[in-house]
């Protein structure tokens, strides 16, 4: 199960920062970056982890090691505009804004490096303080706006092969619920899901409970929206579908 890790990873980053400075100088920013680096690795759940923070040559660089079973690094690298938009949108989100303000105050750039854990391939995006600063003056994103951005960022990285004969193809908003569309490799896999729907749901609940700090951001956003979360399984050569539903109340039970 894959979430919008661009947003979640920045929030995980802020969890490592225990001190907040006003009018942050370059020396104070270096202190913050060093403190973050000592907290590495920072788990992003199935997506991977934040591996390292550096501050050199007037740029804060955040290095991620991504699980290529779930993340297509080459696809990320080919979507620079999406990556830049994701970072800029996150600048409107507390407490991420506090960190980015420190970087802007120090007149530093920020660079994100996403490195595949198998191939070693990289996707990079770098933003100057001048690019980030206007976003800091914009109002906090509403829950609806956050949800829309999350769907866009997640779907930019689809499809995701789970490795068990099921491919997650899209995350869609059906109004009263968010739905992961899951395509089974054949009808026998779909039948297995149907026969064991309670087991599948139980296993998903276990995964939810093991969510990293970054992944919990997604679940809490779903809860705030009042929506349910579902997985809709389908297969070729059949119109049959199987839904595994987690109500908003059930999600609250897990995360609140």
Protein backbone atom coordinates (compact mmCIF):
# COMPACT_ATOMS: atom_id res chain seq x y z
CA UNK A 1 0.00 0.00 0.00
CA UNK A 2 1.49 3.24 -1.15
CA UNK A 3 0.76 6.76 0.10
CA UNK A 4 1.75 10.19 -0.99
CA UNK A 5 5.18 10.10 0.53
CA UNK A 6 6.30 13.52 -0.70
CA UNK A 7 3.90 15.13 1.72
CA UNK A 8 4.21 12.54 4.46
CA UNK A 9 7.99 12.43 4.36
CA UNK A 10 8.25 16.16 4.97
CA UNK A 11 6.01 15.80 8.01
CA UNK A 12 8.15 12.92 9.23
CA UNK A 13 11.13 15.20 8.78
CA UNK A 14 9.57 17.77 11.10
CA UNK A 15 9.00 15.12 13.74
CA UNK A 16 12.79 14.93 14.02
CA UNK A 17 13.08 18.66 14.68
CA UNK A 18 12.49 19.35 18.36
CA UNK A 19 13.63 22.98 18.42
CA UNK A 20 12.08 25.91 16.55
CA UNK A 21 14.03 29.13 16.00
CA UNK A 22 12.77 32.48 14.79
CA UNK A 23 14.95 34.49 12.41
CA UNK A 24 17.02 31.40 11.76
CA UNK A 25 20.62 32.06 10.72
CA UNK A 26 22.75 29.72 8.66
CA UNK A 27 24.46 28.41 11.80
CA UNK A 28 21.11 27.63 13.43
CA UNK A 29 19.87 25.95 10.25
CA UNK A 30 22.99 23.80 10.24
CA UNK A 31 22.23 22.82 13.83
CA UNK A 32 18.70 21.79 12.85
CA UNK A 33 19.92 19.81 9.83
CA UNK A 34 22.55 18.04 11.94
CA UNK A 35 19.88 17.18 14.52
CA UNK A 36 17.65 15.74 11.78
CA UNK A 37 20.55 13.73 10.39
CA UNK A 38 21.18 12.14 13.79
CA UNK A 39 17.57 10.90 13.73
CA UNK A 40 18.10 9.03 10.45
CA UNK A 41 16.97 6.69 9.16
CA UNK A 42 13.39 7.97 9.39
CA UNK A 43 10.86 5.40 8.20
CA UNK A 44 8.36 6.22 5.47
CA UNK A 45 6.74 2.80 5.79
CA UNK A 46 6.65 0.66 2.67
CA UNK A 47 7.84 3.54 0.49
CA UNK A 48 11.31 3.63 2.06
CA UNK A 49 13.14 5.92 4.46
CA UNK A 50 14.85 9.28 4.82
CA UNK A 51 18.52 8.34 4.90
CA UNK A 52 20.47 11.55 5.31
CA UNK A 53 20.31 15.34 5.74
CA UNK A 54 23.15 17.63 4.64
CA UNK A 55 23.69 21.38 4.50
CA UNK A 56 26.51 22.36 2.18
CA UNK A 57 27.10 25.04 -0.45
CA UNK A 58 23.97 26.95 0.59
CA UNK A 59 21.67 23.99 -0.01
CA UNK A 60 19.82 21.66 2.34
CA UNK A 61 19.80 18.21 0.76
CA UNK A 62 17.48 15.46 1.94
CA UNK A 63 18.33 11.98 0.68
CA UNK A 64 15.75 9.22 0.53
CA UNK A 65 16.22 5.52 -0.10
CA UNK A 66 13.07 4.32 -1.85
CA UNK A 67 11.69 0.79 -2.06
CA UNK A 68 11.57 0.11 -5.79
CA UNK A 69 9.00 -2.63 -5.30
CA UNK A 70 6.55 0.22 -4.73
CA UNK A 71 8.22 3.31 -6.19
CA UNK A 72 9.25 3.79 -9.83
CA UNK A 73 12.29 6.08 -9.56
CA UNK A 74 12.58 6.58 -13.32
CA UNK A 75 8.94 7.65 -13.51
CA UNK A 76 9.54 10.12 -10.69
CA UNK A 77 12.57 11.54 -12.49
CA UNK A 78 10.50 12.09 -15.64
CA UNK A 79 7.87 14.08 -13.71
CA UNK A 80 9.90 17.04 -12.46
CA UNK A 81 6.92 19.40 -12.58
CA UNK A 82 4.88 17.08 -10.36
CA UNK A 83 7.74 16.76 -7.89
CA UNK A 84 8.20 20.53 -7.69
CA UNK A 85 4.48 21.11 -7.27
CA UNK A 86 4.33 18.54 -4.48
CA UNK A 87 7.06 20.31 -2.52
CA UNK A 88 5.56 23.77 -3.06
CA UNK A 89 2.11 22.60 -1.98
CA UNK A 90 3.60 21.15 1.18
CA UNK A 91 4.99 24.60 2.03
CA UNK A 92 1.40 25.58 2.90
CA UNK A 93 1.17 22.84 5.50
CA UNK A 94 2.04 23.29 9.18
CA UNK A 95 4.50 22.34 10.63
CA UNK A 96 6.42 21.85 7.37
CA UNK A 97 6.19 25.59 6.79
CA UNK A 98 8.38 26.17 9.87
CA UNK A 99 11.25 24.16 8.45
CA UNK A 100 10.99 25.72 5.00
CA UNK A 101 10.90 29.19 6.58
CA UNK A 102 14.22 28.40 8.28
CA UNK A 103 15.70 27.45 4.93
CA UNK A 104 14.33 30.59 3.25
CA UNK A 105 15.59 32.80 6.08
CA UNK A 106 19.06 31.33 5.57
CA UNK A 107 18.74 32.05 1.82
CA UNK A 108 19.41 28.38 1.06
CA UNK A 109 18.09 26.07 -1.63
CA UNK A 110 16.38 22.79 -0.79
CA UNK A 111 17.12 19.64 -2.74
CA UNK A 112 15.32 16.30 -2.54
CA UNK A 113 17.16 13.21 -3.76
CA UNK A 114 15.15 9.98 -4.19
CA UNK A 115 17.45 6.98 -4.67
CA UNK A 116 16.30 3.49 -5.64
CA UNK A 117 17.27 0.80 -3.15
CA UNK A 118 18.06 -1.70 -5.94
CA UNK A 119 19.04 0.22 -9.08
CA UNK A 120 20.68 3.17 -7.36
CA UNK A 121 18.94 5.44 -9.89
CA UNK A 122 18.00 8.89 -8.66
CA UNK A 123 15.22 11.42 -9.06
CA UNK A 124 16.17 14.94 -7.95
CA UNK A 125 14.31 18.19 -7.50
CA UNK A 126 15.88 21.45 -6.31
CA UNK A 127 14.08 24.65 -5.36
CA UNK A 128 15.56 28.02 -4.53
CA UNK A 129 14.50 30.07 -1.51
CA UNK A 130 12.96 32.57 -3.96
CA UNK A 131 10.70 29.82 -5.35
CA UNK A 132 9.63 28.60 -1.92
CA UNK A 133 9.10 31.97 -0.21
CA UNK A 134 5.81 32.98 -1.99
CA UNK A 135 4.21 29.69 -0.93
CA UNK A 136 4.90 30.42 2.73
CA UNK A 137 2.61 33.46 2.57
CA UNK A 138 -0.35 31.45 1.30
CA UNK A 139 -3.04 30.25 3.74
CA UNK A 140 -3.07 26.78 5.25
CA UNK A 141 -4.47 24.13 2.94
CA UNK A 142 -8.00 22.95 3.71
CA UNK A 143 -8.68 19.24 4.26
CA UNK A 144 -10.34 19.09 0.84
CA UNK A 145 -7.30 20.68 -0.84
CA UNK A 146 -4.91 18.34 0.98
CA UNK A 147 -6.96 15.36 -0.11
CA UNK A 148 -7.01 16.46 -3.74
CA UNK A 149 -3.24 16.97 -3.75
CA UNK A 150 -2.70 13.61 -2.07
CA UNK A 151 -4.70 11.82 -4.75
CA UNK A 152 -2.81 13.58 -7.55
CA UNK A 153 0.61 12.82 -6.05
CA UNK A 154 -0.27 9.20 -5.34
CA UNK A 155 -1.67 8.56 -8.79
CA UNK A 156 1.42 10.06 -10.41
CA UNK A 157 3.30 7.02 -9.07
CA UNK A 158 0.78 4.37 -10.12
CA UNK A 159 0.64 1.48 -10.94
CA UNK A 160 2.11 -0.30 -7.91
CA UNK A 161 2.77 -4.03 -8.02
CA UNK A 162 2.19 -5.56 -4.59
CA UNK A 163 4.08 -8.71 -5.57
CA UNK A 164 1.18 -11.04 -4.70
CA UNK A 165 -0.67 -11.06 -8.00
CA UNK A 166 -2.39 -7.73 -7.37
CA UNK A 167 -1.55 -4.34 -8.88
CA UNK A 168 -2.88 -1.10 -7.37
CA UNK A 169 -3.80 1.04 -10.38
CA UNK A 170 -5.42 4.16 -8.95
CA UNK A 171 -6.67 5.96 -5.84
CA UNK A 172 -10.05 7.60 -6.51
CA UNK A 173 -12.43 9.78 -4.53
CA UNK A 174 -15.96 8.39 -4.68
CA UNK A 175 -17.44 11.14 -2.53
CA UNK A 176 -18.17 9.16 0.63
CA UNK A 177 -14.99 7.09 0.42
CA UNK A 178 -11.49 6.89 -1.03
CA UNK A 179 -11.00 3.74 -3.08
CA UNK A 180 -7.81 1.95 -4.10
CA UNK A 181 -8.52 0.18 -7.39
CA UNK A 182 -6.78 -3.20 -7.22
CA UNK A 183 -6.44 -5.39 -10.30
CA UNK A 184 -5.94 -9.14 -9.76
CA UNK A 185 -3.71 -11.05 -12.18
CA UNK A 186 -6.48 -13.57 -12.87
CA UNK A 187 -9.93 -14.65 -11.70
CA UNK A 188 -8.52 -17.22 -9.28
CA UNK A 189 -6.77 -14.46 -7.30
CA UNK A 190 -10.03 -12.49 -7.21
CA UNK A 191 -11.88 -15.57 -5.94
CA UNK A 192 -9.28 -16.01 -3.20
CA UNK A 193 -9.92 -12.43 -2.08
CA UNK A 194 -13.68 -13.01 -2.13
CA UNK A 195 -13.45 -16.24 -0.10
CA UNK A 196 -11.13 -14.65 2.45
CA UNK A 197 -12.43 -11.08 2.55
CA UNK A 198 -12.44 -10.97 6.36
CA UNK A 199 -8.86 -12.25 6.47
CA UNK A 200 -7.81 -9.68 3.86
CA UNK A 201 -9.45 -6.91 5.88
CA UNK A 202 -7.82 -8.16 9.07
CA UNK A 203 -4.40 -8.17 7.42
CA UNK A 204 -4.95 -4.65 6.13
CA UNK A 205 -5.88 -3.49 9.64
CA UNK A 206 -2.64 -4.97 10.94
CA UNK A 207 -0.76 -3.04 8.24
CA UNK A 208 -2.57 0.14 9.23
CA UNK A 209 -1.58 -0.32 12.87
CA UNK A 210 2.05 -0.71 11.80
CA UNK A 211 1.95 2.53 9.78
CA UNK A 212 4.93 4.84 9.98
CA UNK A 213 4.60 8.48 11.07
CA UNK A 214 4.50 9.51 7.41
CA UNK A 215 1.77 7.00 6.56
CA UNK A 216 -0.31 8.07 9.55
CA UNK A 217 -0.54 11.53 7.99
CA UNK A 218 -2.55 10.00 5.15
CA UNK A 219 -4.89 8.05 7.43
CA UNK A 220 -5.53 11.07 9.65
CA UNK A 221 -6.36 13.10 6.55
CA UNK A 222 -8.92 10.48 5.53
CA UNK A 223 -10.40 10.57 9.03
CA UNK A 224 -10.59 14.38 9.00
CA UNK A 225 -12.41 14.26 5.66
CA UNK A 226 -15.10 12.00 7.14
CA UNK A 227 -14.63 9.49 4.34
CA UNK A 228 -14.27 5.72 4.43
CA UNK A 229 -11.33 3.88 2.84
CA UNK A 230 -11.82 0.89 0.56
CA UNK A 231 -9.99 -1.51 -1.75
CA UNK A 232 -11.94 -2.55 -4.84
CA UNK A 233 -10.60 -5.73 -6.44
CA UNK A 234 -11.28 -6.69 -10.06
CA UNK A 235 -9.87 -8.99 -12.76
CA UNK A 236 -9.92 -9.38 -16.52
CA UNK A 237 -12.70 -11.37 -18.22
CA UNK A 238 -15.17 -10.82 -15.41
CA UNK A 239 -17.46 -8.01 -14.27
CA UNK A 240 -17.27 -9.21 -10.67
CA UNK A 241 -15.63 -6.97 -8.08
CA UNK A 242 -14.86 -7.46 -4.41
CA UNK A 243 -14.75 -4.54 -2.00
CA UNK A 244 -12.91 -4.48 1.31
CA UNK A 245 -14.23 -1.51 3.27
CA UNK A 246 -12.80 0.29 6.30
CA UNK A 247 -15.33 2.76 7.65
CA UNK A 248 -14.28 6.12 9.01
CA UNK A 249 -15.30 4.94 12.48
CA UNK A 250 -13.03 1.89 12.13
CA UNK A 251 -10.12 4.09 11.05
CA UNK A 252 -10.71 6.35 14.07
CA UNK A 253 -10.60 3.27 16.29
CA UNK A 254 -7.14 2.46 14.95
CA UNK A 255 -5.56 5.92 14.82
CA UNK A 256 -7.28 8.02 17.49
